[in-house]
Protein backbone atom coordinates (compact mmCIF):
# COMPACT_ATOMS: atom_id res chain seq x y z
CA MET A 1 27.80 -53.88 -72.42
CA PRO A 2 24.01 -54.65 -71.81
CA ARG A 3 22.25 -51.70 -70.58
CA PHE A 4 18.76 -51.79 -68.76
CA SER A 5 15.89 -49.20 -69.31
CA HIS A 6 13.75 -49.09 -66.15
CA PHE A 7 10.52 -47.55 -65.31
CA ARG A 8 7.76 -47.74 -62.40
CA PHE A 9 4.50 -48.87 -64.02
CA PHE A 10 1.14 -50.09 -62.47
CA PRO A 11 -0.88 -52.15 -65.07
CA HIS A 12 -4.50 -52.52 -64.46
CA LEU A 13 -4.29 -56.25 -63.72
CA LEU A 14 -1.80 -55.57 -60.64
CA PHE A 15 -2.91 -57.75 -57.68
CA ILE A 16 -5.31 -59.90 -59.57
CA PHE A 17 -6.55 -61.54 -56.18
CA LEU A 18 -5.63 -62.49 -52.96
CA LEU A 19 -5.36 -66.34 -51.96
CA ALA A 20 -6.18 -65.53 -48.38
CA ALA A 21 -7.66 -62.38 -46.54
CA SER A 22 -5.09 -59.78 -46.31
CA GLY A 23 -6.40 -58.24 -43.15
CA SER A 24 -5.66 -54.68 -41.94
CA ALA A 25 -3.16 -54.90 -39.33
CA LEU A 26 0.44 -54.86 -39.92
CA SER A 27 2.10 -58.16 -39.89
CA ALA A 28 3.45 -59.63 -36.48
CA PRO A 29 7.09 -59.95 -35.99
CA PRO A 30 8.94 -63.19 -36.52
CA PRO A 31 8.71 -65.39 -33.46
CA VAL A 32 11.80 -66.23 -31.21
CA LEU A 33 12.28 -69.87 -30.63
CA ALA A 34 13.61 -72.10 -28.26
CA ALA A 35 16.06 -73.60 -30.72
CA LYS A 36 19.42 -72.90 -32.07
CA SER A 37 18.75 -72.16 -35.86
CA TRP A 38 15.64 -72.32 -38.09
CA VAL A 39 14.13 -71.37 -41.28
CA LEU A 40 10.64 -71.17 -42.67
CA ILE A 41 9.83 -71.01 -46.42
CA ASP A 42 6.68 -70.88 -48.43
CA HIS A 43 6.55 -73.73 -50.91
CA ALA A 44 4.88 -71.73 -53.90
CA THR A 45 6.95 -68.71 -53.78
CA ASN A 46 10.17 -70.20 -52.38
CA GLN A 47 10.23 -67.10 -50.14
CA THR A 48 11.97 -67.21 -46.45
CA LEU A 49 9.39 -65.92 -44.13
CA ALA A 50 11.51 -66.23 -41.04
CA SER A 51 14.96 -67.35 -40.15
CA ASN A 52 17.54 -67.30 -37.58
CA ASP A 53 21.11 -68.50 -38.05
CA ALA A 54 20.18 -70.44 -40.92
CA ASP A 55 23.70 -70.69 -42.32
CA SER A 56 25.27 -72.13 -39.02
CA ARG A 57 26.63 -75.69 -39.93
CA ILE A 58 25.40 -78.29 -37.85
CA GLU A 59 25.65 -82.08 -38.00
CA PRO A 60 22.23 -83.11 -39.78
CA ASP A 61 21.88 -86.76 -38.01
CA SER A 62 18.98 -88.46 -39.51
CA LEU A 63 17.91 -85.36 -41.58
CA THR A 64 20.72 -86.79 -43.97
CA LYS A 65 18.06 -89.47 -44.77
CA LEU A 66 16.17 -86.80 -46.86
CA MET A 67 18.88 -86.87 -49.46
CA THR A 68 19.35 -90.64 -49.52
CA ALA A 69 15.41 -90.65 -50.31
CA TYR A 70 15.85 -87.83 -52.79
CA LEU A 71 18.21 -89.96 -54.70
CA THR A 72 16.15 -93.00 -54.48
CA PHE A 73 13.09 -91.04 -56.01
CA SER A 74 15.18 -89.79 -58.63
CA ALA A 75 16.59 -93.30 -59.44
CA ILE A 76 13.06 -94.63 -59.71
CA LYS A 77 11.74 -91.59 -61.65
CA SER A 78 14.57 -92.21 -64.28
CA LYS A 79 13.70 -95.87 -64.32
CA LYS A 80 17.33 -96.96 -62.92
CA ILE A 81 15.68 -99.00 -60.66
CA THR A 82 11.75 -99.69 -59.79
CA GLU A 83 9.86 -99.96 -56.38
CA ASN A 84 9.30 -103.65 -56.81
CA GLN A 85 13.16 -104.44 -57.13
CA GLU A 86 14.94 -106.07 -54.49
CA ALA A 87 18.04 -105.13 -53.04
CA MET A 88 20.47 -107.60 -51.25
CA VAL A 89 21.27 -106.70 -47.88
CA SER A 90 24.98 -106.59 -46.88
CA VAL A 91 26.43 -107.50 -43.49
CA ALA A 92 27.50 -103.86 -43.47
CA ALA A 93 24.00 -102.59 -43.59
CA TRP A 94 22.68 -105.26 -41.24
CA LYS A 95 25.49 -104.19 -38.84
CA GLN A 96 24.26 -100.71 -38.61
CA THR A 97 23.74 -99.12 -34.94
CA GLY A 98 21.05 -96.64 -33.99
CA PRO A 99 17.49 -96.79 -35.21
CA ARG A 100 16.93 -99.69 -37.65
CA MET A 101 14.51 -101.42 -39.73
CA PHE A 102 15.77 -104.80 -38.89
CA ILE A 103 16.66 -106.23 -42.30
CA GLU A 104 18.68 -109.51 -42.39
CA PRO A 105 22.02 -110.15 -44.10
CA ARG A 106 21.67 -111.67 -47.49
CA LYS A 107 17.95 -111.42 -47.54
CA PRO A 108 16.56 -109.32 -50.37
CA VAL A 109 14.34 -106.36 -49.48
CA ALA A 110 12.02 -104.54 -51.92
CA VAL A 111 13.03 -100.96 -52.71
CA SER A 112 9.49 -99.83 -51.59
CA ASP A 113 9.88 -101.38 -48.20
CA LEU A 114 13.41 -99.74 -47.74
CA LEU A 115 11.86 -96.51 -48.71
CA ARG A 116 9.49 -96.98 -46.01
CA GLY A 117 12.07 -98.13 -43.46
CA VAL A 118 14.18 -94.84 -44.23
CA ILE A 119 11.41 -92.39 -44.03
CA VAL A 120 8.96 -93.89 -41.45
CA GLN A 121 11.28 -95.89 -39.29
CA SER A 122 14.31 -93.78 -39.99
CA GLY A 123 16.23 -97.08 -40.27
CA ASN A 124 19.97 -96.66 -40.41
CA ASP A 125 20.30 -100.00 -42.00
CA ALA A 126 17.74 -99.30 -44.71
CA CYS A 127 19.92 -96.08 -45.91
CA VAL A 128 22.98 -98.30 -46.46
CA ALA A 129 21.06 -100.92 -48.25
CA LEU A 130 19.81 -98.25 -50.70
CA ALA A 131 23.15 -96.37 -50.87
CA GLU A 132 24.94 -99.66 -51.90
CA LEU A 133 22.12 -100.36 -54.43
CA LEU A 134 22.48 -97.16 -56.16
CA GLY A 135 26.19 -96.58 -55.63
CA GLU A 136 27.69 -99.69 -54.98
CA THR A 137 29.43 -98.51 -51.80
CA GLU A 138 28.64 -95.87 -49.36
CA GLU A 139 31.54 -93.90 -50.17
CA LYS A 140 30.39 -93.46 -54.05
CA PHE A 141 26.75 -92.88 -52.83
CA ALA A 142 27.99 -89.90 -50.70
CA ALA A 143 29.77 -88.55 -53.74
CA MET A 144 26.25 -88.76 -55.52
CA MET A 145 25.02 -87.05 -52.52
CA ASN A 146 27.25 -84.25 -52.91
CA ARG A 147 26.70 -83.81 -56.60
CA GLU A 148 23.14 -83.44 -55.96
CA ALA A 149 23.39 -81.17 -53.23
CA LYS A 150 25.51 -78.89 -55.34
CA ARG A 151 22.78 -78.92 -58.08
CA LEU A 152 19.94 -78.31 -55.75
CA GLY A 153 22.09 -75.04 -54.52
CA MET A 154 22.78 -76.54 -50.97
CA LYS A 155 25.90 -74.27 -50.40
CA ASN A 156 26.93 -75.35 -46.99
CA THR A 157 26.48 -79.03 -46.97
CA HIS A 158 28.72 -82.01 -47.37
CA PHE A 159 27.69 -85.58 -46.94
CA VAL A 160 30.02 -88.58 -45.99
CA ASN A 161 27.47 -91.27 -45.14
CA SER A 162 23.92 -92.23 -46.26
CA ASN A 163 22.30 -92.12 -42.71
CA GLY A 164 23.86 -89.14 -40.81
CA GLN A 165 26.46 -91.03 -38.49
CA SER A 166 28.33 -88.40 -36.67
CA ASP A 167 31.32 -87.39 -38.66
CA PRO A 168 33.08 -83.80 -38.58
CA ARG A 169 33.25 -84.05 -42.26
CA HIS A 170 29.34 -84.42 -42.70
CA TYR A 171 27.43 -81.12 -42.26
CA SER A 172 24.59 -79.13 -43.27
CA THR A 173 22.56 -75.85 -42.38
CA ALA A 174 18.77 -75.07 -41.70
CA ARG A 175 18.68 -73.37 -45.21
CA ASP A 176 20.05 -76.06 -47.06
CA ILE A 177 17.78 -78.86 -45.43
CA ALA A 178 14.88 -76.45 -46.30
CA ILE A 179 16.20 -76.43 -49.78
CA LEU A 180 16.15 -80.20 -49.71
CA ALA A 181 12.87 -80.77 -48.20
CA ASP A 182 11.35 -78.39 -50.45
CA ALA A 183 12.82 -80.06 -53.47
CA ILE A 184 11.34 -83.56 -52.49
CA ILE A 185 7.91 -82.04 -52.26
CA ARG A 186 8.23 -80.18 -55.78
CA ASP A 187 10.08 -82.82 -57.51
CA PHE A 188 8.51 -86.24 -56.28
CA PRO A 189 4.99 -85.58 -55.08
CA GLU A 190 4.03 -89.10 -55.58
CA HIS A 191 6.61 -90.33 -53.28
CA TYR A 192 6.33 -87.28 -50.77
CA ARG A 193 3.00 -89.00 -49.38
CA LEU A 194 5.37 -91.76 -47.46
CA TYR A 195 6.17 -88.85 -45.24
CA ALA A 196 2.66 -88.78 -43.92
CA ILE A 197 2.68 -92.62 -42.85
CA LYS A 198 2.34 -93.03 -39.23
CA SER A 199 3.67 -96.55 -38.61
CA PHE A 200 5.28 -99.53 -40.70
CA THR A 201 5.66 -102.94 -39.98
CA TYR A 202 8.69 -104.89 -41.45
CA ASN A 203 9.95 -108.35 -39.99
CA ASN A 204 6.90 -108.38 -37.61
CA ILE A 205 8.27 -105.39 -35.87
CA THR A 206 5.99 -102.36 -36.16
CA GLN A 207 7.52 -98.88 -35.67
CA GLN A 208 5.86 -95.45 -35.25
CA ASN A 209 6.88 -92.46 -37.07
CA ARG A 210 9.00 -90.23 -34.80
CA ASN A 211 7.43 -87.15 -36.14
CA ARG A 212 5.06 -86.48 -33.54
CA LEU A 213 3.26 -83.50 -35.51
CA LEU A 214 1.75 -86.04 -37.78
CA PHE A 215 -0.49 -87.28 -34.84
CA ILE A 216 -1.07 -83.66 -33.45
CA ASP A 217 -2.06 -81.72 -36.44
CA PRO A 218 -3.88 -82.79 -39.50
CA THR A 219 -2.62 -80.25 -41.63
CA ILE A 220 0.92 -81.66 -41.15
CA ASP A 221 1.93 -84.39 -43.66
CA GLY A 222 5.78 -84.44 -43.18
CA MET A 223 8.64 -84.79 -43.03
CA LYS A 224 11.60 -85.79 -40.62
CA THR A 225 13.16 -85.76 -37.25
CA GLY A 226 16.70 -86.19 -36.03
CA GLN A 227 18.75 -85.98 -32.75
CA ALA A 228 22.47 -85.11 -32.61
CA LYS A 229 24.92 -85.34 -30.01
CA ASP A 230 24.47 -83.11 -26.94
CA ASP A 231 20.53 -83.70 -27.13
CA ASN A 232 20.26 -81.37 -30.07
CA TYR A 233 16.85 -82.18 -31.33
CA TYR A 234 15.75 -81.42 -34.81
CA MET A 235 12.78 -81.31 -37.01
CA VAL A 236 11.58 -80.63 -40.34
CA SER A 237 7.93 -80.18 -40.99
CA SER A 238 5.58 -79.22 -43.69
CA ALA A 239 1.91 -78.17 -43.30
CA VAL A 240 -0.73 -77.39 -46.14
CA ARG A 241 -3.62 -75.11 -44.74
CA GLY A 242 -6.02 -73.91 -47.54
CA PRO A 243 -4.04 -72.99 -50.68
CA ARG A 244 -0.85 -72.78 -49.20
CA ARG A 245 2.08 -74.92 -48.09
CA LEU A 246 4.90 -74.01 -45.80
CA VAL A 247 8.07 -75.85 -44.86
CA ALA A 248 9.87 -75.27 -41.60
CA VAL A 249 13.24 -76.45 -40.38
CA VAL A 250 13.97 -76.16 -36.53
CA LEU A 251 17.40 -77.23 -35.20
CA GLY A 252 18.98 -77.44 -31.94
CA ALA A 253 15.88 -77.65 -29.65
CA SER A 254 16.36 -79.03 -26.25
CA SER A 255 13.78 -82.02 -26.53
CA ASP A 256 11.50 -83.75 -28.41
CA ASN A 257 8.54 -81.67 -27.03
CA ALA A 258 10.19 -78.59 -27.66
CA ARG A 259 10.99 -79.22 -31.30
CA VAL A 260 7.35 -80.22 -31.70
CA GLN A 261 6.00 -76.97 -29.77
CA GLU A 262 8.58 -74.70 -31.90
CA SER A 263 8.11 -76.31 -35.16
CA LEU A 264 4.07 -75.62 -34.48
CA LYS A 265 4.98 -71.92 -33.58
CA LEU A 266 7.00 -71.30 -36.49
CA LEU A 267 4.36 -72.79 -38.98
CA ASN A 268 1.58 -71.00 -37.18
CA TYR A 269 3.25 -67.67 -37.50
CA GLY A 270 3.83 -68.23 -41.28
CA PHE A 271 0.09 -69.11 -41.91
CA GLN A 272 -1.13 -66.11 -39.72
CA SER A 273 1.10 -63.33 -40.55
CA HIS A 274 1.68 -63.71 -44.42
CA ASP A 275 -0.92 -63.87 -47.51
CA MET A 276 -0.22 -65.49 -50.85
CA MET A 277 -0.80 -63.16 -53.67
CA ARG A 278 -0.98 -63.73 -57.18
CA ILE A 279 0.57 -60.44 -58.63
CA TYR A 280 0.56 -61.30 -62.34
CA ALA A 281 -1.07 -64.03 -64.54
CA ALA A 282 0.79 -66.32 -66.87
CA ASN A 283 1.07 -64.75 -70.37
CA GLN A 284 -0.19 -61.36 -69.25
CA SER A 285 1.71 -58.68 -71.13
CA LEU A 286 3.38 -56.28 -68.66
CA SER A 287 5.20 -54.18 -71.19
CA GLN A 288 6.50 -54.24 -74.70
CA PHE A 289 10.04 -54.02 -75.15
CA ARG A 290 12.05 -52.58 -78.05
CA VAL A 291 13.54 -55.25 -80.29
CA TRP A 292 16.45 -54.65 -82.73
CA LYS A 293 16.91 -56.42 -86.02
CA GLY A 294 13.57 -58.27 -85.71
CA ALA A 295 10.75 -58.93 -88.06
CA GLU A 296 8.76 -56.93 -85.18
CA ASN A 297 10.01 -53.94 -83.31
CA VAL A 298 8.47 -54.67 -80.15
CA VAL A 299 8.02 -58.18 -78.00
CA ASP A 300 5.30 -58.50 -75.26
CA ALA A 301 7.08 -59.11 -71.97
CA GLY A 302 5.68 -60.99 -68.96
CA PHE A 303 5.86 -64.24 -66.91
CA ALA A 304 5.45 -67.75 -68.29
CA GLN A 305 3.92 -68.92 -64.94
CA ASP A 306 1.67 -67.07 -62.65
CA LEU A 307 3.81 -64.40 -60.51
CA VAL A 308 2.88 -65.26 -56.87
CA ILE A 309 4.46 -64.09 -53.77
CA SER A 310 4.02 -64.14 -50.04
CA LEU A 311 3.34 -60.99 -48.62
CA PRO A 312 3.11 -59.63 -44.93
CA LYS A 313 -0.42 -58.91 -43.80
CA GLY A 314 -1.57 -55.30 -44.25
CA LYS A 315 1.18 -54.59 -46.97
CA ALA A 316 -0.73 -55.25 -50.24
CA ASN A 317 -1.00 -51.32 -50.57
CA LYS A 318 2.64 -50.82 -50.21
CA ILE A 319 3.95 -52.88 -52.96
CA GLU A 320 5.74 -50.95 -56.07
CA PRO A 321 6.80 -52.76 -59.11
CA VAL A 322 9.81 -51.51 -61.22
CA LEU A 323 10.32 -53.02 -64.65
CA GLU A 324 13.75 -53.38 -66.31
CA SER A 325 14.19 -54.32 -69.92
CA LEU A 326 17.65 -55.63 -70.93
CA GLN A 327 18.78 -53.18 -73.71
CA PRO A 328 19.49 -53.68 -76.43
CA VAL A 329 17.20 -56.78 -77.19
CA PHE A 330 18.14 -58.57 -80.41
CA ALA A 331 16.10 -60.80 -82.68
CA PRO A 332 15.75 -63.69 -83.05
CA ILE A 333 13.84 -64.10 -79.78
CA ARG A 334 12.20 -67.43 -78.72
CA LYS A 335 9.23 -67.37 -76.40
CA GLY A 336 10.55 -67.85 -72.79
CA ASP A 337 13.74 -65.94 -73.34
CA GLU A 338 14.78 -63.82 -70.48
CA ILE A 339 14.47 -60.23 -71.49
CA GLY A 340 14.29 -58.06 -68.20
CA THR A 341 13.69 -58.12 -64.67
CA LEU A 342 10.79 -57.19 -62.19
CA THR A 343 11.83 -55.81 -59.11
CA LEU A 344 9.20 -55.46 -56.17
CA THR A 345 9.70 -53.11 -53.20
CA VAL A 346 7.36 -52.79 -50.15
CA ASP A 347 7.47 -49.72 -47.92
CA GLY A 348 10.41 -48.65 -50.11
CA LYS A 349 12.53 -51.63 -49.24
CA PRO A 350 13.63 -54.58 -51.78
CA TYR A 351 11.36 -57.56 -51.75
CA GLY A 352 12.26 -59.63 -54.52
CA SER A 353 13.51 -59.76 -58.21
CA PHE A 354 11.93 -61.73 -60.68
CA PRO A 355 13.08 -62.59 -64.42
CA VAL A 356 10.76 -61.50 -67.18
CA VAL A 357 10.44 -63.46 -70.45
CA ALA A 358 9.37 -62.99 -74.06
CA LEU A 359 5.86 -63.96 -74.66
CA VAL A 360 6.08 -64.62 -78.12
CA ASP A 361 8.63 -65.47 -80.58
CA VAL A 362 10.31 -62.81 -82.75
CA PRO A 363 12.31 -63.90 -85.86
CA PRO A 364 15.07 -61.77 -87.29
CA ALA A 365 14.36 -59.28 -89.88
CA GLY A 366 15.36 -59.64 -93.52
CA PHE A 367 18.69 -57.96 -94.74
CA PHE A 368 17.38 -54.40 -95.14
CA GLY A 369 15.81 -54.63 -91.91
CA ARG A 370 18.75 -55.69 -90.10
CA MET A 371 20.88 -52.97 -91.82
CA LYS A 372 18.35 -50.00 -90.87
CA ASP A 373 18.66 -51.08 -87.02
CA ASP A 374 22.48 -51.15 -87.32
CA ILE A 375 22.33 -47.43 -88.65
CA LEU A 376 19.97 -46.36 -85.85
CA LEU A 377 21.97 -48.31 -83.38
CA TRP A 378 25.14 -46.37 -84.61
CA PHE A 379 23.49 -43.04 -84.20
CA LYS A 380 22.04 -44.24 -80.72
CA ASN A 381 25.39 -44.90 -79.41
CA LEU A 382 27.04 -41.70 -80.76
């Protein structure tokens, strides 16, 4: 049974720098929004900065189209399709109701245009055309959507169509939608720019992006709106201010104006109340862990990438790190192997745990070195 050894430590490079002025005042409490559920996450750190009822199921309506776009981006990246490739429009796609791109049956449309039809115009018809291109049928495409949702960690989501048409078996949550939106930004930055386009013309019909935040705040560059039954207005938004990007999901506002204002309120809270801090640099040795049966007796432990966190203002001097080493650690060890955990507390409360990895390779010891450690371990476990 593995054992953990843990200890408090304060290496001299702790809190290397602040990426925003920390301020001296305590952080403001999260806002109360005129909406049913919401969540705010920091893109760089993947931390939730504020939430309310984030795991409550809703019918996602047009927010579904985030997954349709994600799968299309993935197919382009894997070279299954190209942006210049043309998709034939079926009668089923052409007959879609609700917001449309106004594609025509049996008339081919470039994938790049269909993506703009989905993202800028929120076209239900464009979604079905892409679904049929990638999955042959919308039913098969929905199965692809559900597999991808599971892979991304969207635990309370199930899709039955590509465009969000109402169905009791079609549901998601604010938290899951935030995971999906964040994944689009992270995995496909070259395609995410489409979400900032303010209008698109197809078939001589120009339609404006329904995301009014694009026209109000220049720091906002995406992403999607929706309107479910019973006048529940949705908005997913993302903004970059300085070095930070935040992603906000607001569900169940009472109007278009309300979802705009409440989304701005949530984003403003995140930027004003938290700082982004680099706690440790990549490849910085936090400690040396004992290695058994290795050519070396110790291995440097740290992080393969910079450890960056979002922290409430005024809390920089309230962080306490506890490093846990998974023992016994046996060779061979490859650089990047997980060998421990760093837990951070703020004001004595858990704030996050992060895997610690080996910073170098440790090959196995020779026969006599392994035998010596076998004897030492035998006495150690008596």
